[in-house]
Structure formats: C-alpha cells, structure tokens
PDB file of N, CA and C in Angstrom:
ATOM      1  N   MET A   1      10.695   6.066  11.528  1.00  0.00           N
ATOM      2  CA  MET A   1       9.683   4.887  11.080  1.00  0.00           C
ATOM      3  C   MET A   1       9.223   4.290  10.009  1.00  0.00           C
ATOM      4  N   PHE A   2       9.030   3.449   8.868  1.00  0.00           N
ATOM      5  CA  PHE A   2       8.850   3.290   8.031  1.00  0.00           C
ATOM      6  C   PHE A   2       7.676   4.054   7.494  1.00  0.00           C
ATOM      7  N   TRP A   3       6.709   3.834   8.077  1.00  0.00           N
ATOM      8  CA  TRP A   3       5.289   3.933   7.373  1.00  0.00           C
ATOM      9  C   TRP A   3       4.894   5.310   7.659  1.00  0.00           C
ATOM     10  N   HIS A   4       5.858   6.191   9.201  1.00  0.00           N
ATOM     11  CA  HIS A   4       5.555   7.589   8.630  1.00  0.00           C
ATOM     12  C   HIS A   4       6.479   8.343   7.269  1.00  0.00           C
ATOM     13  N   ARG A   5       7.611   7.608   6.822  1.00  0.00           N
ATOM     14  CA  ARG A   5       8.418   8.160   5.619  1.00  0.00           C
ATOM     15  C   ARG A   5       8.089   7.846   4.614  1.00  0.00           C
ATOM     16  N   ALA A   6       6.709   6.570   4.801  1.00  0.00           N
ATOM     17  CA  ALA A   6       5.731   6.454   3.442  1.00  0.00           C
ATOM     18  C   ALA A   6       4.751   7.810   3.367  1.00  0.00           C
ATOM     19  N   GLY A   7       4.437   8.207   4.484  1.00  0.00           N
ATOM     20  CA  GLY A   7       3.042   9.111   4.573  1.00  0.00           C
ATOM     21  C   GLY A   7       2.200   8.744   5.330  1.00  0.00           C
ATOM     22  N   LEU A   8       2.056   7.771   5.761  1.00  0.00           N
ATOM     23  CA  LEU A   8       1.393   7.367   7.016  1.00  0.00           C
ATOM     24  C   LEU A   8       1.063   7.739   8.398  1.00  0.00           C
ATOM     25  N   GLY A   9      -0.428   8.608   8.888  1.00  0.00           N
ATOM     26  CA  GLY A   9      -0.397   8.611   9.401  1.00  0.00           C
ATOM     27  C   GLY A   9      -0.404   7.899  10.743  1.00  0.00           C
ATOM     28  N   GLU A  10      -0.588   8.280  12.077  1.00  0.00           N
ATOM     29  CA  GLU A  10      -0.574   7.373  13.474  1.00  0.00           C
ATOM     30  C   GLU A  10      -1.499   5.969  13.237  1.00  0.00           C
ATOM     31  N   ASP A  11      -2.594   6.532  12.644  1.00  0.00           N
ATOM     32  CA  ASP A  11      -3.444   4.963  12.204  1.00  0.00           C
ATOM     33  C   ASP A  11      -2.891   4.271  11.230  1.00  0.00           C
ATOM     34  N   GLY A  12      -2.358   4.216  10.632  1.00  0.00           N
ATOM     35  CA  GLY A  12      -2.048   3.528   9.658  1.00  0.00           C
ATOM     36  C   GLY A  12      -2.152   3.532   8.323  1.00  0.00           C
ATOM     37  N   TRP A  13      -2.943   4.742   7.893  1.00  0.00           N
ATOM     38  CA  TRP A  13      -3.441   4.664   6.578  1.00  0.00           C
ATOM     39  C   TRP A  13      -2.618   6.011   6.049  1.00  0.00           C
ATOM     40  N   PHE A  14      -2.606   5.905   4.903  1.00  0.00           N
ATOM     41  CA  PHE A  14      -2.303   7.238   4.059  1.00  0.00           C
ATOM     42  C   PHE A  14      -3.298   8.306   4.057  1.00  0.00           C
ATOM     43  N   ALA A  15      -2.212   9.430   4.387  1.00  0.00           N
ATOM     44  CA  ALA A  15      -3.306  11.013   4.308  1.00  0.00           C
ATOM     45  C   ALA A  15      -3.220  11.427   2.737  1.00  0.00           C
ATOM     46  N   HIS A  16      -3.929  11.438   2.538  1.00  0.00           N
ATOM     47  CA  HIS A  16      -4.352  11.844   1.240  1.00  0.00           C
ATOM     48  C   HIS A  16      -5.785  12.944   0.912  1.00  0.00           C
ATOM     49  N   PRO A  17      -5.724  13.949   0.184  1.00  0.00           N
ATOM     50  CA  PRO A  17      -7.018  14.559  -0.067  1.00  0.00           C
ATOM     51  C   PRO A  17      -8.058  13.720  -1.028  1.00  0.00           C
ATOM     52  N   GLU A  18      -9.232  14.037  -0.478  1.00  0.00           N
ATOM     53  CA  GLU A  18     -10.438  13.301  -0.914  1.00  0.00           C
ATOM     54  C   GLU A  18     -10.304  12.779  -2.507  1.00  0.00           C
ATOM     55  N   GLY A  19     -10.352  11.785  -2.930  1.00  0.00           N
ATOM     56  CA  GLY A  19     -10.467  11.888  -4.758  1.00  0.00           C
ATOM     57  C   GLY A  19      -8.973  11.902  -4.991  1.00  0.00           C
ATOM     58  N   ALA A  20      -8.261  12.004  -4.101  1.00  0.00           N
ATOM     59  CA  ALA A  20      -6.692  11.822  -5.089  1.00  0.00           C
ATOM     60  C   ALA A  20      -6.506  10.942  -5.687  1.00  0.00           C
ATOM     61  N   MET A  21      -6.886   9.741  -5.200  1.00  0.00           N
ATOM     62  CA  MET A  21      -6.314   8.500  -5.603  1.00  0.00           C
ATOM     63  C   MET A  21      -7.070   8.119  -6.944  1.00  0.00           C
ATOM     64  N   LEU A  22      -8.058   8.471  -7.275  1.00  0.00           N
ATOM     65  CA  LEU A  22      -9.173   8.512  -8.443  1.00  0.00           C
ATOM     66  C   LEU A  22      -8.430   8.797  -9.470  1.00  0.00           C
ATOM     67  N   THR A  23      -7.284   9.505  -9.584  1.00  0.00           N
ATOM     68  CA  THR A  23      -6.731  10.236 -10.541  1.00  0.00           C
ATOM     69  C   THR A  23      -4.859   9.575 -11.394  1.00  0.00           C
ATOM     70  N   ALA A  24      -4.813   9.708 -12.075  1.00  0.00           N
ATOM     71  CA  ALA A  24      -3.723   9.068 -12.481  1.00  0.00           C
ATOM     72  C   ALA A  24      -2.717   9.765 -11.704  1.00  0.00           C
ATOM     73  N   GLU A  25      -2.351  11.195 -11.630  1.00  0.00           N
ATOM     74  CA  GLU A  25      -1.116  11.861 -10.960  1.00  0.00           C
ATOM     75  C   GLU A  25      -1.476  11.241  -9.448  1.00  0.00           C
ATOM     76  N   GLY A  26      -2.816  11.184  -9.115  1.00  0.00           N
ATOM     77  CA  GLY A  26      -2.372  10.906  -7.351  1.00  0.00           C
ATOM     78  C   GLY A  26      -2.420   9.647  -7.423  1.00  0.00           C
ATOM     79  N   LEU A  27      -2.278   8.701  -8.058  1.00  0.00           N
ATOM     80  CA  LEU A  27      -1.976   7.355  -7.945  1.00  0.00           C
ATOM     81  C   LEU A  27      -0.630   7.263  -8.295  1.00  0.00           C
ATOM     82  N   ALA A  28      -0.133   7.805  -9.113  1.00  0.00           N
ATOM     83  CA  ALA A  28       1.472   7.797  -9.218  1.00  0.00           C
ATOM     84  C   ALA A  28       2.016   8.734  -8.330  1.00  0.00           C
ATOM     85  N   THR A  29       1.704   9.468  -8.032  1.00  0.00           N
ATOM     86  CA  THR A  29       1.699   9.868  -6.712  1.00  0.00           C
ATOM     87  C   THR A  29       2.083   9.019  -5.413  1.00  0.00           C
ATOM     88  N   HIS A  30       0.854   8.219  -5.248  1.00  0.00           N
ATOM     89  CA  HIS A  30       0.848   7.094  -3.577  1.00  0.00           C
ATOM     90  C   HIS A  30       1.759   6.470  -4.073  1.00  0.00           C
ATOM     91  N   ARG A  31       2.124   6.001  -5.075  1.00  0.00           N
ATOM     92  CA  ARG A  31       2.937   4.610  -5.642  1.00  0.00           C
ATOM     93  C   ARG A  31       4.683   5.309  -5.642  1.00  0.00           C
ATOM     94  N   SER A  32       4.733   6.354  -6.123  1.00  0.00           N
ATOM     95  CA  SER A  32       6.033   7.006  -5.510  1.00  0.00           C
ATOM     96  C   SER A  32       6.673   7.220  -4.837  1.00  0.00           C
ATOM     97  N   ALA A  33       5.984   7.660  -3.830  1.00  0.00           N
ATOM     98  CA  ALA A  33       6.002   8.028  -2.480  1.00  0.00           C
ATOM     99  C   ALA A  33       6.099   6.539  -1.412  1.00  0.00           C
ATOM    100  N   TYR A  34       5.447   5.274  -1.790  1.00  0.00           N
ATOM    101  CA  TYR A  34       5.685   4.189  -1.170  1.00  0.00           C
ATOM    102  C   TYR A  34       6.853   3.766  -1.696  1.00  0.00           C
ATOM    103  N   VAL A  35       7.146   3.689  -2.918  1.00  0.00           N
ATOM    104  CA  VAL A  35       8.679   2.739  -3.920  1.00  0.00           C
ATOM    105  C   VAL A  35       9.555   3.345  -3.244  1.00  0.00           C
ATOM    106  N   HIS A  36       9.631   4.497  -2.889  1.00  0.00           N
ATOM    107  CA  HIS A  36      10.906   5.396  -2.173  1.00  0.00           C
ATOM    108  C   HIS A  36      11.151   5.322  -0.514  1.00  0.00           C
ATOM    109  N   ALA A  37       9.943   5.115   0.240  1.00  0.00           N
ATOM    110  CA  ALA A  37       9.956   4.983   1.343  1.00  0.00           C
ATOM    111  C   ALA A  37      10.994   3.376   1.873  1.00  0.00           C
ATOM    112  N   ILE A  38      10.040   2.367   0.950  1.00  0.00           N
ATOM    113  CA  ILE A  38      10.684   1.712   1.433  1.00  0.00           C
ATOM    114  C   ILE A  38      12.219   1.039   0.777  1.00  0.00           C
ATOM    115  N   ARG A  39      12.406   1.876  -0.343  1.00  0.00           N
ATOM    116  CA  ARG A  39      13.814   1.953  -0.791  1.00  0.00           C
ATOM    117  C   ARG A  39      14.593   2.239   0.341  1.00  0.00           C
ATOM    118  N   GLU A  40      14.201   3.989   1.061  1.00  0.00           N
ATOM    119  CA  GLU A  40      15.017   4.402   2.029  1.00  0.00           C
ATOM    120  C   GLU A  40      15.031   3.573   3.331  1.00  0.00           C
ATOM    121  N   TYR A  41      14.371   3.132   3.575  1.00  0.00           N
ATOM    122  CA  TYR A  41      14.206   2.401   4.937  1.00  0.00           C
ATOM    123  C   TYR A  41      15.299   1.199   4.919  1.00  0.00           C
ATOM    124  N   HIS A  42      14.813   0.454   3.531  1.00  0.00           N
ATOM    125  CA  HIS A  42      15.584  -0.814   3.398  1.00  0.00           C
ATOM    126  C   HIS A  42      17.124  -0.199   3.065  1.00  0.00           C
ATOM    127  N   ALA A  43      17.749   0.803   3.018  1.00  0.00           N
ATOM    128  CA  ALA A  43      19.059   1.318   2.688  1.00  0.00           C
ATOM    129  C   ALA A  43      19.814   1.524   3.979  1.00  0.00           C
ATOM    130  N   GLN A  44      18.593   1.979   4.767  1.00  0.00           N
ATOM    131  CA  GLN A  44      18.896   2.013   6.300  1.00  0.00           C
ATOM    132  C   GLN A  44      19.196   0.718   6.894  1.00  0.00           C
ATOM    133  N   GLY A  45      18.407  -0.076   6.387  1.00  0.00           N
ATOM    134  CA  GLY A  45      19.089  -1.853   7.048  1.00  0.00           C
ATOM    135  C   GLY A  45      17.455  -1.934   7.983  1.00  0.00           C
ATOM    136  N   GLY A  46      16.092  -1.352   7.656  1.00  0.00           N
ATOM    137  CA  GLY A  46      15.029  -1.354   8.422  1.00  0.00           C
ATOM    138  C   GLY A  46      14.393  -2.503   8.127  1.00  0.00           C
ATOM    139  N   LEU A  47      13.689  -2.831   9.116  1.00  0.00           N
ATOM    140  CA  LEU A  47      12.546  -4.418   9.367  1.00  0.00           C
ATOM    141  C   LEU A  47      11.307  -3.674   8.893  1.00  0.00           C
ATOM    142  N   ALA A  48      10.296  -4.775   8.619  1.00  0.00           N
ATOM    143  CA  ALA A  48       8.892  -4.535   8.491  1.00  0.00           C
ATOM    144  C   ALA A  48       8.222  -5.476   9.757  1.00  0.00           C
ATOM    145  N   GLY A  49       7.504  -4.707  10.438  1.00  0.00           N
ATOM    146  CA  GLY A  49       6.680  -5.139  11.338  1.00  0.00           C
ATOM    147  C   GLY A  49       6.864  -4.201  12.426  1.00  0.00           C
ATOM    148  N   LYS A  50       6.077  -4.413  13.637  1.00  0.00           N
ATOM    149  CA  LYS A  50       5.984  -3.773  14.859  1.00  0.00           C
ATOM    150  C   LYS A  50       6.280  -4.918  15.839  1.00  0.00           C
ATOM    151  N   VAL A  51       6.270  -6.212  16.193  1.00  0.00           N
ATOM    152  CA  VAL A  51       6.304  -7.169  16.835  1.00  0.00           C
ATOM    153  C   VAL A  51       7.409  -8.097  16.023  1.00  0.00           C
ATOM    154  N   ALA A  52       6.487  -8.687  15.199  1.00  0.00           N
ATOM    155  CA  ALA A  52       7.505  -9.721  14.931  1.00  0.00           C
ATOM    156  C   ALA A  52       8.010  -9.126  13.266  1.00  0.00           C
ATOM    157  N   LYS A  53       9.805  -9.106  13.399  1.00  0.00           N
ATOM    158  CA  LYS A  53      10.138  -7.802  12.343  1.00  0.00           C
ATOM    159  C   LYS A  53      10.644  -9.046  11.493  1.00  0.00           C
ATOM    160  N   SER A  54      10.383  -8.747  10.723  1.00  0.00           N
ATOM    161  CA  SER A  54      10.867  -8.817   9.175  1.00  0.00           C
ATOM    162  C   SER A  54      11.216  -8.449   7.590  1.00  0.00           C
ATOM    163  N   PRO A  55      12.036  -9.113   6.882  1.00  0.00           N
ATOM    164  CA  PRO A  55      12.802  -8.466   6.230  1.00  0.00           C
ATOM    165  C   PRO A  55      12.143  -7.603   4.887  1.00  0.00           C
ATOM    166  N   LEU A  56      12.398  -6.557   4.316  1.00  0.00           N
ATOM    167  CA  LEU A  56      11.246  -5.478   3.712  1.00  0.00           C
ATOM    168  C   LEU A  56      10.859  -6.540   2.503  1.00  0.00           C
ATOM    169  N   ARG A  57      11.583  -8.006   1.805  1.00  0.00           N
ATOM    170  CA  ARG A  57      11.107  -8.498   0.874  1.00  0.00           C
ATOM    171  C   ARG A  57      10.117  -8.993   1.232  1.00  0.00           C
ATOM    172  N   PHE A  58       9.319  -9.399   2.789  1.00  0.00           N
ATOM    173  CA  PHE A  58       7.943  -9.730   2.914  1.00  0.00           C
ATOM    174  C   PHE A  58       7.194  -9.042   2.785  1.00  0.00           C
ATOM    175  N   LEU A  59       7.533  -7.917   3.627  1.00  0.00           N
ATOM    176  CA  LEU A  59       6.634  -6.121   2.794  1.00  0.00           C
ATOM    177  C   LEU A  59       6.162  -6.270   1.389  1.00  0.00           C
ATOM    178  N   ILE A  60       7.152  -6.459   0.891  1.00  0.00           N
ATOM    179  CA  ILE A  60       6.496  -6.122  -0.436  1.00  0.00           C
ATOM    180  C   ILE A  60       6.092  -7.158  -0.785  1.00  0.00           C
ATOM    181  N   ARG A  61       6.112  -8.552  -0.882  1.00  0.00           N
ATOM    182  CA  ARG A  61       5.805  -9.801  -1.584  1.00  0.00           C
ATOM    183  C   ARG A  61       4.211  -9.737  -0.569  1.00  0.00           C
ATOM    184  N   HIS A  62       3.798  -8.855   0.729  1.00  0.00           N
ATOM    185  CA  HIS A  62       2.506  -8.875   1.257  1.00  0.00           C
ATOM    186  C   HIS A  62       1.675  -8.007   0.385  1.00  0.00           C
ATOM    187  N   THR A  63       2.661  -6.778  -0.063  1.00  0.00           N
ATOM    188  CA  THR A  63       1.489  -5.751  -0.350  1.00  0.00           C
ATOM    189  C   THR A  63       1.170  -6.403  -1.725  1.00  0.00           C
ATOM    190  N   ALA A  64       2.002  -6.889  -2.807  1.00  0.00           N
ATOM    191  CA  ALA A  64       1.735  -7.825  -3.672  1.00  0.00           C
ATOM    192  C   ALA A  64       0.327  -8.386  -3.286  1.00  0.00           C
ATOM    193  N   TYR A  65       0.455  -9.183  -2.802  1.00  0.00           N
ATOM    194  CA  TYR A  65      -0.701 -10.425  -2.417  1.00  0.00           C
ATOM    195  C   TYR A  65      -2.039  -9.676  -2.033  1.00  0.00           C
ATOM    196  N   HIS A  66      -1.475  -9.051  -1.093  1.00  0.00           N
ATOM    197  CA  HIS A  66      -2.905  -8.025  -0.698  1.00  0.00           C
ATOM    198  C   HIS A  66      -3.502  -7.071  -1.686  1.00  0.00           C
ATOM    199  N   THR A  67      -2.919  -6.805  -2.635  1.00  0.00           N
ATOM    200  CA  THR A  67      -3.377  -6.013  -3.792  1.00  0.00           C
ATOM    201  C   THR A  67      -4.449  -7.255  -5.132  1.00  0.00           C
ATOM    202  N   MET A  68      -3.157  -7.986  -5.179  1.00  0.00           N
ATOM    203  CA  MET A  68      -3.950  -9.455  -5.724  1.00  0.00           C
ATOM    204  C   MET A  68      -5.421  -9.699  -5.137  1.00  0.00           C
ATOM    205  N   ASP A  69      -5.130  -9.867  -3.943  1.00  0.00           N
ATOM    206  CA  ASP A  69      -6.633 -10.071  -3.144  1.00  0.00           C
ATOM    207  C   ASP A  69      -7.658  -9.648  -3.550  1.00  0.00           C
ATOM    208  N   HIS A  70      -7.478  -8.293  -3.322  1.00  0.00           N
ATOM    209  CA  HIS A  70      -8.386  -7.168  -3.507  1.00  0.00           C
ATOM    210  C   HIS A  70      -9.167  -7.486  -5.114  1.00  0.00           C
ATOM    211  N   ALA A  71      -8.023  -7.836  -6.092  1.00  0.00           N
ATOM    212  CA  ALA A  71      -8.487  -7.625  -7.077  1.00  0.00           C
ATOM    213  C   ALA A  71      -9.606  -9.046  -7.536  1.00  0.00           C
ATOM    214  N   TRP A  72      -9.243  -9.672  -6.827  1.00  0.00           N
ATOM    215  CA  TRP A  72      -9.868 -11.518  -7.053  1.00  0.00           C
ATOM    216  C   TRP A  72     -11.442 -11.277  -6.242  1.00  0.00           C
ATOM    217  N   GLU A  73     -11.546 -10.240  -5.224  1.00  0.00           N
ATOM    218  CA  GLU A  73     -13.009 -10.149  -4.824  1.00  0.00           C
ATOM    219  C   GLU A  73     -13.344  -9.095  -5.096  1.00  0.00           C
ATOM    220  N   MET A  74     -13.019  -7.916  -6.091  1.00  0.00           N
ATOM    221  CA  MET A  74     -13.771  -7.596  -6.849  1.00  0.00           C
ATOM    222  C   MET A  74     -13.883  -8.231  -8.139  1.00  0.00           C
ATOM    223  N   GLU A  75     -13.145  -8.970  -8.931  1.00  0.00           N
ATOM    224  CA  GLU A  75     -13.868  -9.643 -10.125  1.00  0.00           C
ATOM    225  C   GLU A  75     -14.923 -10.702  -9.480  1.00  0.00           C
ATOM    226  N   ASP A  76     -14.680 -11.582  -8.350  1.00  0.00           N
ATOM    227  CA  ASP A  76     -15.857 -12.304  -7.973  1.00  0.00           C
ATOM    228  C   ASP A  76     -16.924 -11.586  -7.658  1.00  0.00           C
ATOM    229  N   LYS A  77     -17.408 -10.344  -7.507  1.00  0.00           N
ATOM    230  CA  LYS A  77     -18.364  -9.585  -7.240  1.00  0.00           C
ATOM    231  C   LYS A  77     -18.479  -9.504  -8.428  1.00  0.00           C
ATOM    232  N   ASP A  78     -20.282  -8.999  -8.733  1.00  0.00           N
ATOM    233  CA  ASP A  78     -20.785  -8.491  -9.596  1.00  0.00           C
ATOM    234  C   ASP A  78     -20.948  -7.023  -9.536  1.00  0.00           C
ATOM    235  N   LEU A  79     -20.504  -6.418 -10.206  1.00  0.00           N
ATOM    236  CA  LEU A  79     -20.425  -5.011  -9.695  1.00  0.00           C
ATOM    237  C   LEU A  79     -21.278  -4.124 -10.696  1.00  0.00           C
ATOM    238  N   THR A  80     -21.883  -4.958 -11.788  1.00  0.00           N
ATOM    239  CA  THR A  80     -22.521  -4.377 -12.538  1.00  0.00           C
ATOM    240  C   THR A  80     -24.449  -3.842 -11.695  1.00  0.00           C
ATOM    241  N   GLY A  81     -24.525  -4.459 -11.159  1.00  0.00           N
ATOM    242  CA  GLY A  81     -25.806  -4.183 -10.230  1.00  0.00           C
ATOM    243  C   GLY A  81     -27.259  -4.927 -10.797  1.00  0.00           C
ATOM    244  N   LYS A  82     -26.686  -5.968 -12.024  1.00  0.00           N
ATOM    245  CA  LYS A  82     -27.718  -6.591 -12.370  1.00  0.00           C
ATOM    246  C   LYS A  82     -27.708  -8.032 -11.888  1.00  0.00           C
ATOM    247  N   GLU A  83     -29.252  -8.542 -11.596  1.00  0.00           N
ATOM    248  CA  GLU A  83     -29.453  -9.744 -11.122  1.00  0.00           C
ATOM    249  C   GLU A  83     -29.397 -10.959 -11.856  1.00  0.00           C
ATOM    250  N   GLY A  84     -28.914 -12.465 -11.335  1.00  0.00           N
ATOM    251  CA  GLY A  84     -28.461 -13.511 -12.044  1.00  0.00           C
ATOM    252  C   GLY A  84     -28.775 -13.418 -13.131  1.00  0.00           C
TER     253      GLY A  84
END
C-alpha cells in the first residue's frame, strides 16, 4: 500500500521522531521518502485512495493544494502576538 511505503503508520500519519521535521535534514528526509514512495507506487500502476481510486497525479495535485492551503491560513493569521 502506498502509505506504508511512504512511512505512514496505520493511523495515516508519518512516524518521525519528535522535532525531526524542524531540521533541514529531517525535512529533506521526509520529502525524499514521500517522493520516492509516489514514484515507486506509480511505477507499479497504483492508484490513490481507499474508496474512490484516482490517478497519482491527483494525489500530487491535492498534496500541493493542501500545502498551499496551510500556508495561506498561516499568512492570514497574525502570529506576532500583537493586538490590532
């Protein structure tokens, strides 16, 4: 299954040591594993999704959208802690 190849556990979350994603090396390792898993799964002709099977290009596009959505949410929030 794609998610297990990508390092995801049964609950659907990546298993990383605490704080690993906060380092450049940890983030690079995460990205590399994710991309490798997508390429491997695609080479086997796999489809994304448990119920509604979709081409992997949908998963890649959805991942990009989801990432940008989080960035937009953070941009809209005032993270400085200062009031108006």
